[in-house]
Amino acid sequence: MMRYLIATAALGAAALALSSCATLNEEQCQVVDWQQLGQSDGAQGQPSTYVARHQEACTRFGITVNAAAWRSGWESGIRSYCTPSNGLSVGLSGGVNRNACPADLAAPFNEAYRVGDAVHDARSRRDETQREIDQLIRDLSAATDDAERTRIQVELELARNRLSIAQAGVTRTEREADLYRLRLSQASQSFVQ
């Protein structure tokens, strides 16, 4: 009896996990505006293959996806996503580049993403080093003997040196991002004129 309960619970958990992965439920599959959904997916940077996830979800309910309408909307949405300005924002926030941009938009988006991602990575390294220093300071105040205090003081000095280097990395990458923003601004102004 106990095995039956465990097996039933495991099956229920697996079914719940699978259903939570579905992009749409049955009602959504029935009423969705496929073009609008495609536009929304594109504007969120989903790849063109993302429609397959909707097809998988809706097929379970015997509902056909209008892939052509979805693709039409996606084409519009992805163009609003794949801008250099957005690439920079995605990188700065630590977002993932799904490499979803069409070929004509990919290079400028990817370049901007790399600039933003470099800033994000530099800030992360700095912040991690600061957390390490904070922990070492706590360890130092809790140290019980001279040898341990000396060891922690040496580690603390090394960590402070790494923090200085990490902060220089933040300053450098932020400067590069500022210059990139300036070039973007100048390019958009010359495009308008």
N, C-alpha and C. Protein backbone atom coordinates (compact mmCIF):
# COMPACT_ATOMS: atom_id res chain seq x y z
N MET A 1 0.82 -1.19 0.00
CA MET A 1 0.00 0.00 0.00
C MET A 1 0.87 1.26 0.00
N MET A 2 1.94 1.23 0.81
CA MET A 2 2.82 2.39 0.90
C MET A 2 3.49 2.66 -0.45
N ARG A 3 3.91 1.58 -1.16
CA ARG A 3 4.52 1.75 -2.48
C ARG A 3 3.53 2.39 -3.44
N TYR A 4 2.29 1.98 -3.38
CA TYR A 4 1.25 2.53 -4.25
C TYR A 4 1.10 4.03 -4.00
N LEU A 5 1.07 4.44 -2.73
CA LEU A 5 0.94 5.87 -2.40
C LEU A 5 2.14 6.67 -2.89
N ILE A 6 3.32 6.10 -2.71
CA ILE A 6 4.53 6.79 -3.16
C ILE A 6 4.53 6.92 -4.68
N ALA A 7 4.17 5.82 -5.38
CA ALA A 7 4.13 5.85 -6.84
C ALA A 7 3.09 6.85 -7.33
N THR A 8 1.93 6.88 -6.70
CA THR A 8 0.88 7.83 -7.08
C THR A 8 1.33 9.26 -6.85
N ALA A 9 1.97 9.51 -5.73
CA ALA A 9 2.47 10.85 -5.44
C ALA A 9 3.54 11.26 -6.45
N ALA A 10 4.42 10.33 -6.81
CA ALA A 10 5.47 10.63 -7.78
C ALA A 10 4.88 10.93 -9.15
N LEU A 11 3.88 10.15 -9.56
CA LEU A 11 3.23 10.41 -10.84
C LEU A 11 2.52 11.76 -10.84
N GLY A 12 1.87 12.08 -9.75
CA GLY A 12 1.20 13.37 -9.63
C GLY A 12 2.19 14.52 -9.70
N ALA A 13 3.31 14.37 -9.02
CA ALA A 13 4.34 15.42 -9.04
C ALA A 13 4.92 15.57 -10.44
N ALA A 14 5.14 14.45 -11.13
CA ALA A 14 5.68 14.51 -12.49
C ALA A 14 4.69 15.18 -13.43
N ALA A 15 3.41 14.85 -13.31
CA ALA A 15 2.39 15.47 -14.15
C ALA A 15 2.31 16.97 -13.89
N LEU A 16 2.39 17.36 -12.63
CA LEU A 16 2.36 18.77 -12.28
C LEU A 16 3.57 19.49 -12.86
N ALA A 17 4.73 18.85 -12.76
CA ALA A 17 5.95 19.47 -13.29
C ALA A 17 5.86 19.63 -14.79
N LEU A 18 5.34 18.62 -15.48
CA LEU A 18 5.20 18.71 -16.94
C LEU A 18 4.19 19.78 -17.33
N SER A 19 3.10 19.86 -16.60
CA SER A 19 2.08 20.85 -16.97
C SER A 19 2.57 22.26 -16.69
N SER A 20 3.45 22.43 -15.70
CA SER A 20 3.94 23.77 -15.41
C SER A 20 4.93 24.24 -16.47
N CYS A 21 5.45 23.30 -17.28
CA CYS A 21 6.37 23.67 -18.36
C CYS A 21 5.62 24.12 -19.61
N ALA A 22 4.34 23.82 -19.69
CA ALA A 22 3.56 24.18 -20.87
C ALA A 22 3.46 25.70 -20.98
N THR A 23 3.55 26.17 -22.22
CA THR A 23 3.48 27.62 -22.44
C THR A 23 2.05 28.12 -22.38
N LEU A 24 1.09 27.25 -22.72
CA LEU A 24 -0.32 27.64 -22.75
C LEU A 24 -1.17 26.53 -22.18
N ASN A 25 -2.29 26.91 -21.56
CA ASN A 25 -3.25 25.90 -21.12
C ASN A 25 -4.31 25.72 -22.22
N GLU A 26 -5.27 24.83 -22.00
CA GLU A 26 -6.26 24.52 -23.04
C GLU A 26 -7.07 25.74 -23.44
N GLU A 27 -7.54 26.50 -22.47
CA GLU A 27 -8.36 27.68 -22.79
C GLU A 27 -7.54 28.70 -23.60
N GLN A 28 -6.29 28.91 -23.20
CA GLN A 28 -5.44 29.85 -23.93
C GLN A 28 -5.21 29.37 -25.36
N CYS A 29 -5.00 28.08 -25.54
CA CYS A 29 -4.81 27.54 -26.88
C CYS A 29 -6.03 27.80 -27.76
N GLN A 30 -7.22 27.77 -27.17
CA GLN A 30 -8.46 27.96 -27.93
C GLN A 30 -8.69 29.41 -28.34
N VAL A 31 -8.29 30.35 -27.49
CA VAL A 31 -8.68 31.75 -27.72
C VAL A 31 -7.53 32.67 -28.12
N VAL A 32 -6.32 32.18 -28.13
CA VAL A 32 -5.17 33.05 -28.34
C VAL A 32 -5.18 33.67 -29.74
N ASP A 33 -4.74 34.89 -29.80
CA ASP A 33 -4.47 35.56 -31.07
C ASP A 33 -3.02 35.23 -31.40
N TRP A 34 -2.81 34.32 -32.36
CA TRP A 34 -1.48 33.79 -32.62
C TRP A 34 -0.50 34.88 -33.07
N GLN A 35 -0.98 35.82 -33.83
CA GLN A 35 -0.09 36.90 -34.28
C GLN A 35 0.35 37.75 -33.09
N GLN A 36 -0.59 38.07 -32.22
CA GLN A 36 -0.26 38.87 -31.04
C GLN A 36 0.69 38.10 -30.11
N LEU A 37 0.47 36.80 -29.96
CA LEU A 37 1.36 35.99 -29.13
C LEU A 37 2.76 35.94 -29.74
N GLY A 38 2.82 35.80 -31.05
CA GLY A 38 4.12 35.79 -31.72
C GLY A 38 4.84 37.11 -31.52
N GLN A 39 4.10 38.21 -31.61
CA GLN A 39 4.71 39.52 -31.39
C GLN A 39 5.23 39.64 -29.96
N SER A 40 4.45 39.18 -29.02
CA SER A 40 4.87 39.22 -27.62
C SER A 40 6.10 38.36 -27.39
N ASP A 41 6.10 37.15 -27.95
CA ASP A 41 7.27 36.27 -27.80
C ASP A 41 8.50 36.89 -28.42
N GLY A 42 8.35 37.48 -29.60
CA GLY A 42 9.48 38.13 -30.26
C GLY A 42 9.99 39.31 -29.45
N ALA A 43 9.08 40.10 -28.91
CA ALA A 43 9.46 41.28 -28.12
C ALA A 43 10.16 40.90 -26.82
N GLN A 44 10.00 39.63 -26.40
CA GLN A 44 10.70 39.13 -25.21
C GLN A 44 12.00 38.43 -25.58
N GLY A 45 12.33 38.41 -26.87
CA GLY A 45 13.58 37.81 -27.31
C GLY A 45 13.55 36.30 -27.45
N GLN A 46 12.36 35.73 -27.53
CA GLN A 46 12.28 34.28 -27.73
C GLN A 46 12.72 33.95 -29.15
N PRO A 47 13.39 32.82 -29.36
CA PRO A 47 13.83 32.45 -30.70
C PRO A 47 12.66 32.04 -31.59
N SER A 48 12.90 32.01 -32.88
CA SER A 48 11.84 31.67 -33.83
C SER A 48 11.35 30.24 -33.63
N THR A 49 12.12 29.41 -33.00
CA THR A 49 11.72 28.02 -32.73
C THR A 49 10.78 27.91 -31.54
N TYR A 50 10.53 29.01 -30.85
CA TYR A 50 9.69 28.98 -29.64
C TYR A 50 8.26 28.54 -29.95
N VAL A 51 7.82 28.73 -31.19
CA VAL A 51 6.46 28.31 -31.57
C VAL A 51 6.28 26.81 -31.34
N ALA A 52 7.36 26.05 -31.42
CA ALA A 52 7.28 24.60 -31.19
C ALA A 52 6.81 24.29 -29.77
N ARG A 53 7.16 25.13 -28.81
CA ARG A 53 6.70 24.92 -27.43
C ARG A 53 5.19 25.14 -27.35
N HIS A 54 4.69 26.14 -28.09
CA HIS A 54 3.24 26.35 -28.12
C HIS A 54 2.55 25.18 -28.82
N GLN A 55 3.16 24.69 -29.90
CA GLN A 55 2.58 23.55 -30.62
C GLN A 55 2.51 22.33 -29.70
N GLU A 56 3.56 22.12 -28.94
CA GLU A 56 3.59 20.99 -28.01
C GLU A 56 2.48 21.13 -26.97
N ALA A 57 2.31 22.34 -26.43
CA ALA A 57 1.29 22.56 -25.40
C ALA A 57 -0.11 22.36 -25.97
N CYS A 58 -0.38 22.92 -27.14
CA CYS A 58 -1.73 22.89 -27.69
C CYS A 58 -2.08 21.54 -28.31
N THR A 59 -1.10 20.84 -28.81
CA THR A 59 -1.35 19.51 -29.39
C THR A 59 -1.92 18.56 -28.34
N ARG A 60 -1.53 18.75 -27.10
CA ARG A 60 -2.06 17.90 -26.01
C ARG A 60 -3.58 18.03 -25.91
N PHE A 61 -4.11 19.17 -26.36
CA PHE A 61 -5.56 19.40 -26.29
C PHE A 61 -6.22 19.25 -27.66
N GLY A 62 -5.47 18.78 -28.66
CA GLY A 62 -6.00 18.60 -30.00
C GLY A 62 -6.23 19.92 -30.72
N ILE A 63 -5.50 20.94 -30.36
CA ILE A 63 -5.67 22.27 -30.96
C ILE A 63 -4.45 22.58 -31.82
N THR A 64 -4.73 23.07 -33.03
CA THR A 64 -3.67 23.39 -33.98
C THR A 64 -3.22 24.83 -33.80
N VAL A 65 -1.92 25.02 -33.87
CA VAL A 65 -1.32 26.35 -33.77
C VAL A 65 -1.30 26.98 -35.16
N ASN A 66 -1.62 28.26 -35.23
CA ASN A 66 -1.50 28.99 -36.50
C ASN A 66 -0.07 29.53 -36.56
N ALA A 67 0.84 28.67 -37.01
CA ALA A 67 2.27 29.00 -37.01
C ALA A 67 2.58 30.18 -37.92
N ALA A 68 1.87 30.32 -39.02
CA ALA A 68 2.13 31.43 -39.95
C ALA A 68 1.78 32.76 -39.28
N ALA A 69 0.64 32.82 -38.59
CA ALA A 69 0.26 34.05 -37.89
C ALA A 69 1.25 34.34 -36.76
N TRP A 70 1.64 33.29 -36.02
CA TRP A 70 2.60 33.47 -34.94
C TRP A 70 3.91 34.03 -35.50
N ARG A 71 4.38 33.45 -36.62
CA ARG A 71 5.64 33.88 -37.22
C ARG A 71 5.57 35.33 -37.68
N SER A 72 4.43 35.71 -38.24
CA SER A 72 4.24 37.10 -38.68
C SER A 72 4.37 38.06 -37.50
N GLY A 73 3.74 37.72 -36.39
CA GLY A 73 3.84 38.54 -35.19
C GLY A 73 5.25 38.52 -34.61
N TRP A 74 5.87 37.35 -34.63
CA TRP A 74 7.23 37.22 -34.10
C TRP A 74 8.20 38.11 -34.87
N GLU A 75 8.05 38.13 -36.19
CA GLU A 75 8.93 38.97 -37.03
C GLU A 75 8.87 40.43 -36.59
N SER A 76 7.68 40.89 -36.26
CA SER A 76 7.53 42.27 -35.79
C SER A 76 8.11 42.44 -34.39
N GLY A 77 7.80 41.53 -33.51
CA GLY A 77 8.25 41.63 -32.12
C GLY A 77 9.76 41.53 -31.96
N ILE A 78 10.38 40.63 -32.72
CA ILE A 78 11.83 40.43 -32.57
C ILE A 78 12.58 41.66 -33.03
N ARG A 79 12.03 42.40 -33.97
CA ARG A 79 12.68 43.62 -34.45
C ARG A 79 12.67 44.70 -33.36
N SER A 80 11.65 44.70 -32.53
CA SER A 80 11.63 45.68 -31.43
C SER A 80 12.58 45.24 -30.30
N TYR A 81 12.84 43.95 -30.21
CA TYR A 81 13.74 43.43 -29.18
C TYR A 81 15.21 43.59 -29.57
N CYS A 82 15.51 43.32 -30.81
CA CYS A 82 16.90 43.23 -31.28
C CYS A 82 17.50 44.58 -31.64
N THR A 83 17.44 45.51 -30.72
CA THR A 83 18.06 46.82 -30.93
C THR A 83 19.34 46.87 -30.10
N PRO A 84 20.30 47.68 -30.51
CA PRO A 84 21.50 47.82 -29.69
C PRO A 84 21.19 48.31 -28.27
N SER A 85 20.25 49.23 -28.16
CA SER A 85 19.89 49.74 -26.84
C SER A 85 19.38 48.63 -25.94
N ASN A 86 18.55 47.76 -26.48
CA ASN A 86 18.03 46.65 -25.68
C ASN A 86 19.12 45.62 -25.41
N GLY A 87 20.00 45.38 -26.36
CA GLY A 87 21.11 44.45 -26.15
C GLY A 87 21.96 44.91 -24.97
N LEU A 88 22.21 46.22 -24.90
CA LEU A 88 22.97 46.77 -23.78
C LEU A 88 22.23 46.55 -22.47
N SER A 89 20.92 46.80 -22.47
CA SER A 89 20.11 46.61 -21.25
C SER A 89 20.08 45.16 -20.80
N VAL A 90 19.92 44.25 -21.75
CA VAL A 90 19.89 42.82 -21.40
C VAL A 90 21.23 42.41 -20.79
N GLY A 91 22.32 42.86 -21.39
CA GLY A 91 23.64 42.53 -20.86
C GLY A 91 23.88 43.12 -19.48
N LEU A 92 23.51 44.40 -19.31
CA LEU A 92 23.71 45.06 -18.01
C LEU A 92 22.94 44.36 -16.89
N SER A 93 21.76 43.85 -17.22
CA SER A 93 20.92 43.21 -16.19
C SER A 93 21.32 41.76 -15.92
N GLY A 94 22.29 41.25 -16.69
CA GLY A 94 22.68 39.86 -16.50
C GLY A 94 21.77 38.89 -17.21
N GLY A 95 20.97 39.43 -18.14
CA GLY A 95 20.07 38.58 -18.91
C GLY A 95 20.83 37.67 -19.87
N VAL A 96 20.10 36.72 -20.43
CA VAL A 96 20.68 35.74 -21.34
C VAL A 96 20.45 36.18 -22.77
N ASN A 97 21.50 36.08 -23.57
CA ASN A 97 21.37 36.32 -25.01
C ASN A 97 20.98 34.99 -25.64
N ARG A 98 19.76 34.90 -26.10
CA ARG A 98 19.25 33.65 -26.68
C ARG A 98 19.65 33.51 -28.15
N ASN A 99 20.40 34.47 -28.67
CA ASN A 99 20.81 34.46 -30.08
C ASN A 99 19.60 34.30 -30.99
N ALA A 100 18.56 35.04 -30.70
CA ALA A 100 17.31 34.95 -31.44
C ALA A 100 17.19 35.98 -32.56
N CYS A 101 18.10 36.93 -32.60
CA CYS A 101 17.96 38.03 -33.56
C CYS A 101 18.23 37.56 -34.98
N PRO A 102 17.44 38.07 -35.93
CA PRO A 102 17.69 37.77 -37.34
C PRO A 102 19.07 38.29 -37.75
N ALA A 103 19.61 37.73 -38.80
CA ALA A 103 20.98 38.04 -39.24
C ALA A 103 21.22 39.54 -39.41
N ASP A 104 20.24 40.26 -39.93
CA ASP A 104 20.45 41.69 -40.19
C ASP A 104 20.48 42.53 -38.91
N LEU A 105 20.04 41.97 -37.79
CA LEU A 105 20.04 42.69 -36.51
C LEU A 105 20.99 42.09 -35.48
N ALA A 106 21.50 40.91 -35.76
CA ALA A 106 22.26 40.16 -34.75
C ALA A 106 23.56 40.86 -34.36
N ALA A 107 24.35 41.32 -35.31
CA ALA A 107 25.67 41.89 -34.99
C ALA A 107 25.56 43.11 -34.07
N PRO A 108 24.72 44.11 -34.38
CA PRO A 108 24.65 45.26 -33.47
C PRO A 108 24.09 44.88 -32.09
N PHE A 109 23.09 44.00 -32.05
CA PHE A 109 22.54 43.56 -30.77
C PHE A 109 23.60 42.84 -29.95
N ASN A 110 24.31 41.89 -30.58
CA ASN A 110 25.32 41.10 -29.88
C ASN A 110 26.47 41.97 -29.37
N GLU A 111 26.89 42.95 -30.17
CA GLU A 111 27.96 43.84 -29.73
C GLU A 111 27.52 44.61 -28.47
N ALA A 112 26.31 45.15 -28.52
CA ALA A 112 25.80 45.90 -27.37
C ALA A 112 25.64 44.98 -26.16
N TYR A 113 25.15 43.77 -26.40
CA TYR A 113 25.00 42.81 -25.31
C TYR A 113 26.35 42.54 -24.64
N ARG A 114 27.40 42.32 -25.45
CA ARG A 114 28.73 42.04 -24.89
C ARG A 114 29.22 43.20 -24.03
N VAL A 115 28.97 44.44 -24.47
CA VAL A 115 29.37 45.61 -23.69
C VAL A 115 28.66 45.60 -22.34
N GLY A 116 27.34 45.41 -22.35
CA GLY A 116 26.57 45.39 -21.11
C GLY A 116 26.93 44.21 -20.22
N ASP A 117 27.14 43.05 -20.83
CA ASP A 117 27.49 41.86 -20.07
C ASP A 117 28.85 42.01 -19.40
N ALA A 118 29.78 42.70 -20.05
CA ALA A 118 31.09 42.93 -19.44
C ALA A 118 30.95 43.77 -18.16
N VAL A 119 30.07 44.77 -18.21
CA VAL A 119 29.82 45.58 -17.00
C VAL A 119 29.20 44.71 -15.91
N HIS A 120 28.21 43.93 -16.29
CA HIS A 120 27.55 43.06 -15.31
C HIS A 120 28.55 42.10 -14.67
N ASP A 121 29.40 41.48 -15.49
CA ASP A 121 30.38 40.53 -14.96
C ASP A 121 31.37 41.24 -14.04
N ALA A 122 31.83 42.43 -14.43
CA ALA A 122 32.79 43.17 -13.59
C ALA A 122 32.16 43.54 -12.25
N ARG A 123 30.92 43.99 -12.28
CA ARG A 123 30.23 44.33 -11.03
C ARG A 123 30.04 43.09 -10.16
N SER A 124 29.73 41.96 -10.79
CA SER A 124 29.55 40.71 -10.03
C SER A 124 30.84 40.30 -9.35
N ARG A 125 31.97 40.40 -10.07
CA ARG A 125 33.27 40.06 -9.47
C ARG A 125 33.57 40.99 -8.30
N ARG A 126 33.32 42.28 -8.49
CA ARG A 126 33.56 43.24 -7.40
C ARG A 126 32.70 42.91 -6.19
N ASP A 127 31.42 42.66 -6.43
CA ASP A 127 30.49 42.39 -5.33
C ASP A 127 30.85 41.09 -4.61
N GLU A 128 31.27 40.08 -5.35
CA GLU A 128 31.68 38.81 -4.74
C GLU A 128 32.92 39.02 -3.87
N THR A 129 33.86 39.81 -4.36
CA THR A 129 35.07 40.10 -3.58
C THR A 129 34.71 40.88 -2.32
N GLN A 130 33.77 41.81 -2.42
CA GLN A 130 33.34 42.57 -1.24
C GLN A 130 32.69 41.65 -0.22
N ARG A 131 31.89 40.69 -0.68
CA ARG A 131 31.28 39.72 0.26
C ARG A 131 32.36 38.88 0.94
N GLU A 132 33.38 38.51 0.18
CA GLU A 132 34.49 37.75 0.76
C GLU A 132 35.19 38.58 1.84
N ILE A 133 35.41 39.86 1.58
CA ILE A 133 36.04 40.74 2.57
C ILE A 133 35.17 40.85 3.81
N ASP A 134 33.88 41.03 3.62
CA ASP A 134 32.97 41.13 4.76
C ASP A 134 33.03 39.87 5.62
N GLN A 135 33.10 38.71 4.96
CA GLN A 135 33.19 37.45 5.71
C GLN A 135 34.52 37.36 6.45
N LEU A 136 35.59 37.77 5.81
CA LEU A 136 36.90 37.74 6.47
C LEU A 136 36.94 38.66 7.68
N ILE A 137 36.28 39.80 7.59
CA ILE A 137 36.22 40.72 8.74
C ILE A 137 35.46 40.06 9.89
N ARG A 138 34.37 39.37 9.57
CA ARG A 138 33.63 38.65 10.61
C ARG A 138 34.50 37.54 11.21
N ASP A 139 35.22 36.82 10.34
CA ASP A 139 36.09 35.75 10.81
C ASP A 139 37.20 36.30 11.70
N LEU A 140 37.74 37.47 11.33
CA LEU A 140 38.81 38.08 12.10
C LEU A 140 38.33 38.44 13.50
N SER A 141 37.12 38.98 13.58
CA SER A 141 36.62 39.35 14.92
C SER A 141 36.28 38.12 15.76
N ALA A 142 36.07 36.99 15.12
CA ALA A 142 35.76 35.76 15.87
C ALA A 142 37.00 34.90 16.10
N ALA A 143 38.15 35.30 15.53
CA ALA A 143 39.37 34.50 15.65
C ALA A 143 39.79 34.40 17.12
N THR A 144 40.29 33.23 17.48
CA THR A 144 40.61 32.98 18.89
C THR A 144 42.10 32.97 19.19
N ASP A 145 42.97 32.86 18.19
CA ASP A 145 44.40 32.88 18.49
C ASP A 145 45.15 33.74 17.48
N ASP A 146 46.39 34.07 17.83
CA ASP A 146 47.20 34.98 17.01
C ASP A 146 47.48 34.41 15.62
N ALA A 147 47.77 33.13 15.52
CA ALA A 147 48.09 32.52 14.22
C ALA A 147 46.89 32.62 13.27
N GLU A 148 45.72 32.35 13.81
CA GLU A 148 44.51 32.44 12.99
C GLU A 148 44.26 33.89 12.57
N ARG A 149 44.43 34.84 13.49
CA ARG A 149 44.25 36.26 13.17
C ARG A 149 45.23 36.71 12.09
N THR A 150 46.48 36.27 12.20
CA THR A 150 47.50 36.63 11.21
C THR A 150 47.13 36.07 9.84
N ARG A 151 46.71 34.81 9.80
CA ARG A 151 46.30 34.19 8.53
C ARG A 151 45.15 34.96 7.90
N ILE A 152 44.15 35.31 8.69
CA ILE A 152 42.99 36.03 8.18
C ILE A 152 43.38 37.43 7.73
N GLN A 153 44.28 38.08 8.45
CA GLN A 153 44.72 39.42 8.05
C GLN A 153 45.43 39.38 6.70
N VAL A 154 46.23 38.35 6.47
CA VAL A 154 46.90 38.20 5.18
C VAL A 154 45.86 37.98 4.07
N GLU A 155 44.90 37.09 4.33
CA GLU A 155 43.83 36.84 3.35
C GLU A 155 43.03 38.12 3.09
N LEU A 156 42.79 38.88 4.15
CA LEU A 156 42.04 40.13 4.03
C LEU A 156 42.79 41.14 3.16
N GLU A 157 44.09 41.24 3.35
CA GLU A 157 44.90 42.16 2.55
C GLU A 157 44.88 41.74 1.08
N LEU A 158 45.01 40.44 0.82
CA LEU A 158 44.94 39.95 -0.56
C LEU A 158 43.57 40.23 -1.18
N ALA A 159 42.52 40.01 -0.41
CA ALA A 159 41.17 40.26 -0.91
C ALA A 159 40.96 41.75 -1.20
N ARG A 160 41.51 42.61 -0.36
CA ARG A 160 41.40 44.06 -0.61
C ARG A 160 42.13 44.44 -1.89
N ASN A 161 43.25 43.79 -2.16
CA ASN A 161 43.95 44.04 -3.42
C ASN A 161 43.10 43.59 -4.61
N ARG A 162 42.46 42.41 -4.47
CA ARG A 162 41.57 41.93 -5.54
C ARG A 162 40.39 42.87 -5.72
N LEU A 163 39.90 43.43 -4.61
CA LEU A 163 38.78 44.37 -4.70
C LEU A 163 39.19 45.62 -5.48
N SER A 164 40.39 46.09 -5.24
CA SER A 164 40.89 47.26 -5.96
C SER A 164 40.96 46.97 -7.46
N ILE A 165 41.46 45.80 -7.81
CA ILE A 165 41.54 45.40 -9.22
C ILE A 165 40.13 45.25 -9.81
N ALA A 166 39.22 44.64 -9.04
CA ALA A 166 37.84 44.45 -9.51
C ALA A 166 37.15 45.78 -9.71
N GLN A 167 37.38 46.73 -8.81
CA GLN A 167 36.76 48.05 -8.96
C GLN A 167 37.30 48.76 -10.20
N ALA A 168 38.59 48.58 -10.47
CA ALA A 168 39.16 49.16 -11.69
C ALA A 168 38.49 48.55 -12.92
N GLY A 169 38.19 47.25 -12.86
CA GLY A 169 37.47 46.60 -13.96
C GLY A 169 36.08 47.16 -14.15
N VAL A 170 35.40 47.45 -13.04
CA VAL A 170 34.07 48.06 -13.11
C VAL A 170 34.17 49.44 -13.75
N THR A 171 35.12 50.22 -13.30
CA THR A 171 35.30 51.57 -13.84
C THR A 171 35.58 51.52 -15.34
N ARG A 172 36.47 50.61 -15.74
CA ARG A 172 36.83 50.49 -17.17
C ARG A 172 35.62 50.07 -18.00
N THR A 173 34.90 49.03 -17.57
CA THR A 173 33.77 48.55 -18.38
C THR A 173 32.62 49.54 -18.38
N GLU A 174 32.40 50.25 -17.26
CA GLU A 174 31.35 51.28 -17.25
C GLU A 174 31.72 52.42 -18.19
N ARG A 175 32.99 52.77 -18.25
CA ARG A 175 33.43 53.81 -19.18
C ARG A 175 33.19 53.36 -20.62
N GLU A 176 33.52 52.10 -20.91
CA GLU A 176 33.28 51.56 -22.24
C GLU A 176 31.79 51.58 -22.58
N ALA A 177 30.94 51.26 -21.61
CA ALA A 177 29.49 51.30 -21.83
C ALA A 177 29.03 52.73 -22.08
N ASP A 178 29.57 53.68 -21.32
CA ASP A 178 29.21 55.09 -21.54
C ASP A 178 29.61 55.54 -22.94
N LEU A 179 30.79 55.16 -23.38
CA LEU A 179 31.24 55.51 -24.74
C LEU A 179 30.35 54.84 -25.78
N TYR A 180 29.96 53.62 -25.52
CA TYR A 180 29.08 52.91 -26.44
C TYR A 180 27.72 53.63 -26.53
N ARG A 181 27.18 54.02 -25.37
CA ARG A 181 25.91 54.77 -25.36
C ARG A 181 26.05 56.07 -26.16
N LEU A 182 27.16 56.76 -26.00
CA LEU A 182 27.40 58.00 -26.73
C LEU A 182 27.42 57.74 -28.23
N ARG A 183 28.12 56.69 -28.65
CA ARG A 183 28.14 56.35 -30.08
C ARG A 183 26.74 56.01 -30.59
N LEU A 184 25.96 55.29 -29.78
CA LEU A 184 24.58 54.98 -30.17
C LEU A 184 23.76 56.25 -30.33
N SER A 185 23.91 57.15 -29.38
CA SER A 185 23.17 58.41 -29.42
C SER A 185 23.56 59.22 -30.65
N GLN A 186 24.85 59.31 -30.91
CA GLN A 186 25.31 60.05 -32.09
C GLN A 186 24.82 59.41 -33.38
N ALA A 187 24.83 58.08 -33.42
CA ALA A 187 24.37 57.38 -34.62
C ALA A 187 22.88 57.60 -34.84
N SER A 188 22.09 57.58 -33.77
CA SER A 188 20.64 57.79 -33.93
C SER A 188 20.35 59.24 -34.32
N GLN A 189 21.14 60.19 -33.82
CA GLN A 189 20.93 61.59 -34.20
C GLN A 189 21.29 61.83 -35.66
N SER A 190 22.37 61.21 -36.13
CA SER A 190 22.75 61.38 -37.54
C SER A 190 21.75 60.66 -38.44
N PHE A 191 21.14 59.59 -37.95
CA PHE A 191 20.14 58.86 -38.72
C PHE A 191 18.87 59.71 -38.87
N VAL A 192 18.51 60.46 -37.83
CA VAL A 192 17.31 61.30 -37.84
C VAL A 192 17.50 62.48 -38.79
N GLN A 193 18.72 63.02 -38.85
CA GLN A 193 18.97 64.19 -39.68
C GLN A 193 19.06 63.85 -41.09
